[in-house]
């Protein structure tokens, strides 16, 4: 038997995982600078994350990202 709800969910793409550096934190909301220069707000920030690279998905910080060089490729 087909599950129409699961088929519908398969049509919706998963949110992208992004990497950026935390610029500032205010009231548990972090301002994250993306490699291209864009800014985004993400929940789950704490003061010790300022200056660190983090993984962000769907507006939530998922964890620390490694401090590796970033290469930007435009398509």
PDB file of N, CA and C in Angstrom:
ATOM      1  N   UNK A   1       0.847  -1.177   0.000  1.00  0.00           N
ATOM      2  CA  UNK A   1       0.000   0.000   0.000  1.00  0.00           C
ATOM      3  C   UNK A   1       0.896   1.246   0.000  1.00  0.00           C
ATOM      4  N   UNK A   2       0.571   2.217  -0.828  1.00  0.00           N
ATOM      5  CA  UNK A   2       1.338   3.449  -0.934  1.00  0.00           C
ATOM      6  C   UNK A   2       1.041   4.369   0.245  1.00  0.00           C
ATOM      7  N   UNK A   3       2.076   5.021   0.720  1.00  0.00           N
ATOM      8  CA  UNK A   3       1.922   6.011   1.775  1.00  0.00           C
ATOM      9  C   UNK A   3       2.087   7.379   1.110  1.00  0.00           C
ATOM     10  N   UNK A   4       0.990   8.057   0.870  1.00  0.00           N
ATOM     11  CA  UNK A   4       1.014   9.327   0.146  1.00  0.00           C
ATOM     12  C   UNK A   4       1.789  10.401   0.901  1.00  0.00           C
ATOM     13  N   UNK A   5       1.730  10.367   2.234  1.00  0.00           N
ATOM     14  CA  UNK A   5       2.453  11.374   3.003  1.00  0.00           C
ATOM     15  C   UNK A   5       3.959  11.214   2.823  1.00  0.00           C
ATOM     16  N   UNK A   6       4.468   9.978   2.851  1.00  0.00           N
ATOM     17  CA  UNK A   6       5.896   9.754   2.632  1.00  0.00           C
ATOM     18  C   UNK A   6       6.310  10.150   1.221  1.00  0.00           C
ATOM     19  N   UNK A   7       5.456   9.902   0.246  1.00  0.00           N
ATOM     20  CA  UNK A   7       5.751  10.321  -1.130  1.00  0.00           C
ATOM     21  C   UNK A   7       5.804  11.846  -1.227  1.00  0.00           C
ATOM     22  N   UNK A   8       4.909  12.528  -0.525  1.00  0.00           N
ATOM     23  CA  UNK A   8       4.923  13.987  -0.506  1.00  0.00           C
ATOM     24  C   UNK A   8       6.203  14.518   0.133  1.00  0.00           C
ATOM     25  N   UNK A   9       6.611  13.929   1.269  1.00  0.00           N
ATOM     26  CA  UNK A   9       7.840  14.360   1.940  1.00  0.00           C
ATOM     27  C   UNK A   9       9.063  14.136   1.071  1.00  0.00           C
ATOM     28  N   UNK A  10       9.060  13.118   0.247  1.00  0.00           N
ATOM     29  CA  UNK A  10      10.187  12.852  -0.643  1.00  0.00           C
ATOM     30  C   UNK A  10      10.345  13.951  -1.695  1.00  0.00           C
ATOM     31  N   UNK A  11       9.291  14.689  -1.980  1.00  0.00           N
ATOM     32  CA  UNK A  11       9.351  15.783  -2.961  1.00  0.00           C
ATOM     33  C   UNK A  11       9.991  17.044  -2.390  1.00  0.00           C
ATOM     34  N   UNK A  12       9.991  17.179  -1.073  1.00  0.00           N
ATOM     35  CA  UNK A  12      10.521  18.373  -0.423  1.00  0.00           C
ATOM     36  C   UNK A  12      12.009  18.156  -0.137  1.00  0.00           C
ATOM     37  N   UNK A  13      12.877  19.036  -0.647  1.00  0.00           N
ATOM     38  CA  UNK A  13      14.318  18.843  -0.403  1.00  0.00           C
ATOM     39  C   UNK A  13      14.673  19.146   1.057  1.00  0.00           C
ATOM     40  N   UNK A  14      15.722  18.472   1.533  1.00  0.00           N
ATOM     41  CA  UNK A  14      16.227  18.738   2.873  1.00  0.00           C
ATOM     42  C   UNK A  14      16.908  20.102   2.893  1.00  0.00           C
ATOM     43  N   UNK A  15      16.855  20.816   4.017  1.00  0.00           N
ATOM     44  CA  UNK A  15      17.559  22.101   4.102  1.00  0.00           C
ATOM     45  C   UNK A  15      19.070  21.896   3.948  1.00  0.00           C
ATOM     46  N   UNK A  16      19.713  22.845   3.313  1.00  0.00           N
ATOM     47  CA  UNK A  16      21.158  22.758   3.062  1.00  0.00           C
ATOM     48  C   UNK A  16      21.949  22.945   4.357  1.00  0.00           C
ATOM     49  N   UNK A  17      23.074  22.241   4.449  1.00  0.00           N
ATOM     50  CA  UNK A  17      23.995  22.404   5.566  1.00  0.00           C
ATOM     51  C   UNK A  17      25.008  23.462   5.165  1.00  0.00           C
ATOM     52  N   UNK A  18      25.119  24.526   5.959  1.00  0.00           N
ATOM     53  CA  UNK A  18      26.024  25.628   5.653  1.00  0.00           C
ATOM     54  C   UNK A  18      27.082  25.737   6.744  1.00  0.00           C
ATOM     55  N   UNK A  19      28.214  26.328   6.368  1.00  0.00           N
ATOM     56  CA  UNK A  19      29.311  26.549   7.307  1.00  0.00           C
ATOM     57  C   UNK A  19      29.597  28.038   7.352  1.00  0.00           C
ATOM     58  N   UNK A  20      29.816  28.563   8.543  1.00  0.00           N
ATOM     59  CA  UNK A  20      30.151  29.977   8.676  1.00  0.00           C
ATOM     60  C   UNK A  20      30.802  30.245  10.019  1.00  0.00           C
ATOM     61  N   UNK A  21      31.313  31.450  10.162  1.00  0.00           N
ATOM     62  CA  UNK A  21      31.969  31.868  11.399  1.00  0.00           C
ATOM     63  C   UNK A  21      30.998  32.720  12.216  1.00  0.00           C
ATOM     64  N   UNK A  22      30.923  32.431  13.499  1.00  0.00           N
ATOM     65  CA  UNK A  22      30.041  33.192  14.389  1.00  0.00           C
ATOM     66  C   UNK A  22      30.671  34.559  14.636  1.00  0.00           C
ATOM     67  N   UNK A  23      29.915  35.606  14.303  1.00  0.00           N
ATOM     68  CA  UNK A  23      30.400  36.975  14.468  1.00  0.00           C
ATOM     69  C   UNK A  23      30.023  37.524  15.833  1.00  0.00           C
ATOM     70  N   UNK A  24      28.786  37.271  16.249  1.00  0.00           N
ATOM     71  CA  UNK A  24      28.323  37.765  17.547  1.00  0.00           C
ATOM     72  C   UNK A  24      27.158  36.903  18.026  1.00  0.00           C
ATOM     73  N   UNK A  25      26.874  36.999  19.330  1.00  0.00           N
ATOM     74  CA  UNK A  25      25.764  36.251  19.924  1.00  0.00           C
ATOM     75  C   UNK A  25      24.997  37.188  20.833  1.00  0.00           C
ATOM     76  N   UNK A  26      23.680  37.168  20.693  1.00  0.00           N
ATOM     77  CA  UNK A  26      22.820  37.980  21.547  1.00  0.00           C
ATOM     78  C   UNK A  26      21.546  37.198  21.832  1.00  0.00           C
ATOM     79  N   UNK A  27      21.250  36.964  23.086  1.00  0.00           N
ATOM     80  CA  UNK A  27      20.028  36.270  23.510  1.00  0.00           C
ATOM     81  C   UNK A  27      19.889  34.908  22.838  1.00  0.00           C
ATOM     82  N   UNK A  28      20.978  34.122  22.822  1.00  0.00           N
ATOM     83  CA  UNK A  28      20.990  32.762  22.271  1.00  0.00           C
ATOM     84  C   UNK A  28      20.813  32.727  20.750  1.00  0.00           C
ATOM     85  N   UNK A  29      20.929  33.868  20.081  1.00  0.00           N
ATOM     86  CA  UNK A  29      20.854  33.931  18.617  1.00  0.00           C
ATOM     87  C   UNK A  29      22.187  34.444  18.100  1.00  0.00           C
ATOM     88  N   UNK A  30      22.801  33.653  17.203  1.00  0.00           N
ATOM     89  CA  UNK A  30      24.118  33.995  16.678  1.00  0.00           C
ATOM     90  C   UNK A  30      24.003  34.610  15.294  1.00  0.00           C
ATOM     91  N   UNK A  31      24.855  35.582  15.017  1.00  0.00           N
ATOM     92  CA  UNK A  31      25.011  36.114  13.672  1.00  0.00           C
ATOM     93  C   UNK A  31      26.186  35.375  13.053  1.00  0.00           C
ATOM     94  N   UNK A  32      25.930  34.669  11.944  1.00  0.00           N
ATOM     95  CA  UNK A  32      26.934  33.828  11.299  1.00  0.00           C
ATOM     96  C   UNK A  32      27.306  34.441   9.957  1.00  0.00           C
ATOM     97  N   UNK A  33      28.617  34.594   9.718  1.00  0.00           N
ATOM     98  CA  UNK A  33      29.126  35.129   8.449  1.00  0.00           C
ATOM     99  C   UNK A  33      29.465  33.941   7.561  1.00  0.00           C
ATOM    100  N   UNK A  34      28.824  33.878   6.392  1.00  0.00           N
ATOM    101  CA  UNK A  34      29.071  32.801   5.442  1.00  0.00           C
ATOM    102  C   UNK A  34      30.316  33.102   4.617  1.00  0.00           C
ATOM    103  N   UNK A  35      30.941  32.097   4.003  1.00  0.00           N
ATOM    104  CA  UNK A  35      32.175  32.316   3.234  1.00  0.00           C
ATOM    105  C   UNK A  35      32.031  33.350   2.122  1.00  0.00           C
ATOM    106  N   UNK A  36      30.867  33.481   1.517  1.00  0.00           N
ATOM    107  CA  UNK A  36      30.650  34.461   0.456  1.00  0.00           C
ATOM    108  C   UNK A  36      30.406  35.866   0.969  1.00  0.00           C
ATOM    109  N   UNK A  37      30.333  36.039   2.290  1.00  0.00           N
ATOM    110  CA  UNK A  37      30.125  37.356   2.870  1.00  0.00           C
ATOM    111  C   UNK A  37      28.722  37.593   3.382  1.00  0.00           C
ATOM    112  N   UNK A  38      27.791  36.675   3.125  1.00  0.00           N
ATOM    113  CA  UNK A  38      26.418  36.826   3.588  1.00  0.00           C
ATOM    114  C   UNK A  38      26.309  36.599   5.086  1.00  0.00           C
ATOM    115  N   UNK A  39      25.244  37.128   5.661  1.00  0.00           N
ATOM    116  CA  UNK A  39      24.976  36.976   7.094  1.00  0.00           C
ATOM    117  C   UNK A  39      23.689  36.200   7.284  1.00  0.00           C
ATOM    118  N   UNK A  40      23.637  35.400   8.339  1.00  0.00           N
ATOM    119  CA  UNK A  40      22.391  34.756   8.698  1.00  0.00           C
ATOM    120  C   UNK A  40      22.295  34.669  10.209  1.00  0.00           C
ATOM    121  N   UNK A  41      21.076  34.590  10.694  1.00  0.00           N
ATOM    122  CA  UNK A  41      20.814  34.448  12.130  1.00  0.00           C
ATOM    123  C   UNK A  41      20.506  32.988  12.402  1.00  0.00           C
ATOM    124  N   UNK A  42      21.091  32.448  13.474  1.00  0.00           N
ATOM    125  CA  UNK A  42      20.875  31.050  13.824  1.00  0.00           C
ATOM    126  C   UNK A  42      20.661  30.909  15.320  1.00  0.00           C
ATOM    127  N   UNK A  43      19.708  30.065  15.688  1.00  0.00           N
ATOM    128  CA  UNK A  43      19.441  29.778  17.099  1.00  0.00           C
ATOM    129  C   UNK A  43      20.501  28.824  17.640  1.00  0.00           C
ATOM    130  N   UNK A  44      20.694  28.856  18.922  1.00  0.00           N
ATOM    131  CA  UNK A  44      21.606  27.935  19.573  1.00  0.00           C
ATOM    132  C   UNK A  44      22.992  28.492  19.790  1.00  0.00           C
ATOM    133  N   UNK A  45      23.144  29.796  19.699  1.00  0.00           N
ATOM    134  CA  UNK A  45      24.454  30.409  19.879  1.00  0.00           C
ATOM    135  C   UNK A  45      24.785  30.627  21.339  1.00  0.00           C
ATOM    136  N   UNK A  46      26.060  30.575  21.651  1.00  0.00           N
ATOM    137  CA  UNK A  46      26.528  30.889  22.999  1.00  0.00           C
ATOM    138  C   UNK A  46      27.805  31.724  22.858  1.00  0.00           C
ATOM    139  N   UNK A  47      28.127  32.524  23.859  1.00  0.00           N
ATOM    140  CA  UNK A  47      29.272  33.438  23.749  1.00  0.00           C
ATOM    141  C   UNK A  47      30.601  32.763  23.424  1.00  0.00           C
ATOM    142  N   UNK A  48      30.814  31.511  23.838  1.00  0.00           N
ATOM    143  CA  UNK A  48      32.089  30.857  23.542  1.00  0.00           C
ATOM    144  C   UNK A  48      32.233  30.463  22.071  1.00  0.00           C
ATOM    145  N   UNK A  49      31.176  30.596  21.270  1.00  0.00           N
ATOM    146  CA  UNK A  49      31.252  30.281  19.844  1.00  0.00           C
ATOM    147  C   UNK A  49      31.747  31.444  18.991  1.00  0.00           C
ATOM    148  N   UNK A  50      31.844  32.636  19.558  1.00  0.00           N
ATOM    149  CA  UNK A  50      32.274  33.809  18.776  1.00  0.00           C
ATOM    150  C   UNK A  50      33.670  33.561  18.213  1.00  0.00           C
ATOM    151  N   UNK A  51      33.787  33.740  16.898  1.00  0.00           N
ATOM    152  CA  UNK A  51      35.052  33.527  16.204  1.00  0.00           C
ATOM    153  C   UNK A  51      35.272  32.098  15.746  1.00  0.00           C
ATOM    154  N   UNK A  52      34.387  31.183  16.090  1.00  0.00           N
ATOM    155  CA  UNK A  52      34.526  29.762  15.715  1.00  0.00           C
ATOM    156  C   UNK A  52      33.669  29.464  14.498  1.00  0.00           C
ATOM    157  N   UNK A  53      34.037  28.447  13.740  1.00  0.00           N
ATOM    158  CA  UNK A  53      33.243  27.975  12.609  1.00  0.00           C
ATOM    159  C   UNK A  53      32.194  26.989  13.111  1.00  0.00           C
ATOM    160  N   UNK A  54      30.988  27.108  12.575  1.00  0.00           N
ATOM    161  CA  UNK A  54      29.891  26.233  12.982  1.00  0.00           C
ATOM    162  C   UNK A  54      29.138  25.730  11.758  1.00  0.00           C
ATOM    163  N   UNK A  55      28.447  24.599  11.934  1.00  0.00           N
ATOM    164  CA  UNK A  55      27.524  24.077  10.942  1.00  0.00           C
ATOM    165  C   UNK A  55      26.141  24.628  11.259  1.00  0.00           C
ATOM    166  N   UNK A  56      25.430  25.138  10.228  1.00  0.00           N
ATOM    167  CA  UNK A  56      24.088  25.687  10.408  1.00  0.00           C
ATOM    168  C   UNK A  56      23.157  25.022   9.400  1.00  0.00           C
ATOM    169  N   UNK A  57      22.024  24.531   9.882  1.00  0.00           N
ATOM    170  CA  UNK A  57      21.006  23.970   8.997  1.00  0.00           C
ATOM    171  C   UNK A  57      19.642  24.472   9.452  1.00  0.00           C
ATOM    172  N   UNK A  58      18.923  25.064   8.534  1.00  0.00           N
ATOM    173  CA  UNK A  58      17.552  25.509   8.787  1.00  0.00           C
ATOM    174  C   UNK A  58      17.459  26.481   9.966  1.00  0.00           C
ATOM    175  N   UNK A  59      18.463  27.384  10.090  1.00  0.00           N
ATOM    176  CA  UNK A  59      18.427  28.406  11.126  1.00  0.00           C
ATOM    177  C   UNK A  59      18.823  27.942  12.510  1.00  0.00           C
ATOM    178  N   UNK A  60      19.443  26.751  12.621  1.00  0.00           N
ATOM    179  CA  UNK A  60      19.855  26.213  13.919  1.00  0.00           C
ATOM    180  C   UNK A  60      21.318  25.785  13.824  1.00  0.00           C
ATOM    181  N   UNK A  61      22.114  26.149  14.818  1.00  0.00           N
ATOM    182  CA  UNK A  61      23.505  25.718  14.859  1.00  0.00           C
ATOM    183  C   UNK A  61      23.525  24.249  15.268  1.00  0.00           C
ATOM    184  N   UNK A  62      24.150  23.410  14.413  1.00  0.00           N
ATOM    185  CA  UNK A  62      24.204  21.971  14.689  1.00  0.00           C
ATOM    186  C   UNK A  62      25.464  21.565  15.425  1.00  0.00           C
ATOM    187  N   UNK A  63      26.531  22.355  15.319  1.00  0.00           N
ATOM    188  CA  UNK A  63      27.758  21.998  16.016  1.00  0.00           C
ATOM    189  C   UNK A  63      28.943  22.747  15.445  1.00  0.00           C
ATOM    190  N   UNK A  64      30.107  22.459  16.010  1.00  0.00           N
ATOM    191  CA  UNK A  64      31.337  23.100  15.560  1.00  0.00           C
ATOM    192  C   UNK A  64      31.804  22.496  14.244  1.00  0.00           C
ATOM    193  N   UNK A  65      32.349  23.337  13.378  1.00  0.00           N
ATOM    194  CA  UNK A  65      32.940  22.899  12.121  1.00  0.00           C
ATOM    195  C   UNK A  65      34.452  22.984  12.264  1.00  0.00           C
ATOM    196  N   UNK A  66      35.188  22.131  11.548  1.00  0.00           N
ATOM    197  CA  UNK A  66      36.646  22.193  11.648  1.00  0.00           C
ATOM    198  C   UNK A  66      37.187  23.490  11.054  1.00  0.00           C
ATOM    199  N   UNK A  67      38.325  23.944  11.569  1.00  0.00           N
ATOM    200  CA  UNK A  67      38.968  25.160  11.066  1.00  0.00           C
ATOM    201  C   UNK A  67      39.863  24.796   9.883  1.00  0.00           C
ATOM    202  N   UNK A  68      39.249  24.640   8.719  1.00  0.00           N
ATOM    203  CA  UNK A  68      39.964  24.305   7.505  1.00  0.00           C
ATOM    204  C   UNK A  68      39.852  25.450   6.521  1.00  0.00           C
ATOM    205  N   UNK A  69      40.779  25.554   5.553  1.00  0.00           N
ATOM    206  CA  UNK A  69      40.649  26.592   4.542  1.00  0.00           C
ATOM    207  C   UNK A  69      39.390  26.374   3.704  1.00  0.00           C
ATOM    208  N   UNK A  70      38.753  27.467   3.318  1.00  0.00           N
ATOM    209  CA  UNK A  70      37.526  27.408   2.542  1.00  0.00           C
ATOM    210  C   UNK A  70      37.797  27.828   1.115  1.00  0.00           C
ATOM    211  N   UNK A  71      37.290  27.068   0.171  1.00  0.00           N
ATOM    212  CA  UNK A  71      37.418  27.372  -1.253  1.00  0.00           C
ATOM    213  C   UNK A  71      36.037  27.672  -1.794  1.00  0.00           C
ATOM    214  N   UNK A  72      35.856  28.857  -2.381  1.00  0.00           N
ATOM    215  CA  UNK A  72      34.568  29.248  -2.940  1.00  0.00           C
ATOM    216  C   UNK A  72      34.613  29.028  -4.450  1.00  0.00           C
ATOM    217  N   UNK A  73      33.659  28.243  -4.949  1.00  0.00           N
ATOM    218  CA  UNK A  73      33.565  27.960  -6.381  1.00  0.00           C
ATOM    219  C   UNK A  73      32.221  28.482  -6.856  1.00  0.00           C
ATOM    220  N   UNK A  74      32.245  29.427  -7.787  1.00  0.00           N
ATOM    221  CA  UNK A  74      31.003  29.970  -8.323  1.00  0.00           C
ATOM    222  C   UNK A  74      30.570  29.151  -9.520  1.00  0.00           C
ATOM    223  N   UNK A  75      29.270  28.882  -9.554  1.00  0.00           N
ATOM    224  CA  UNK A  75      28.722  28.095 -10.661  1.00  0.00           C
ATOM    225  C   UNK A  75      27.843  28.981 -11.524  1.00  0.00           C
TER     226      UNK A  75
END
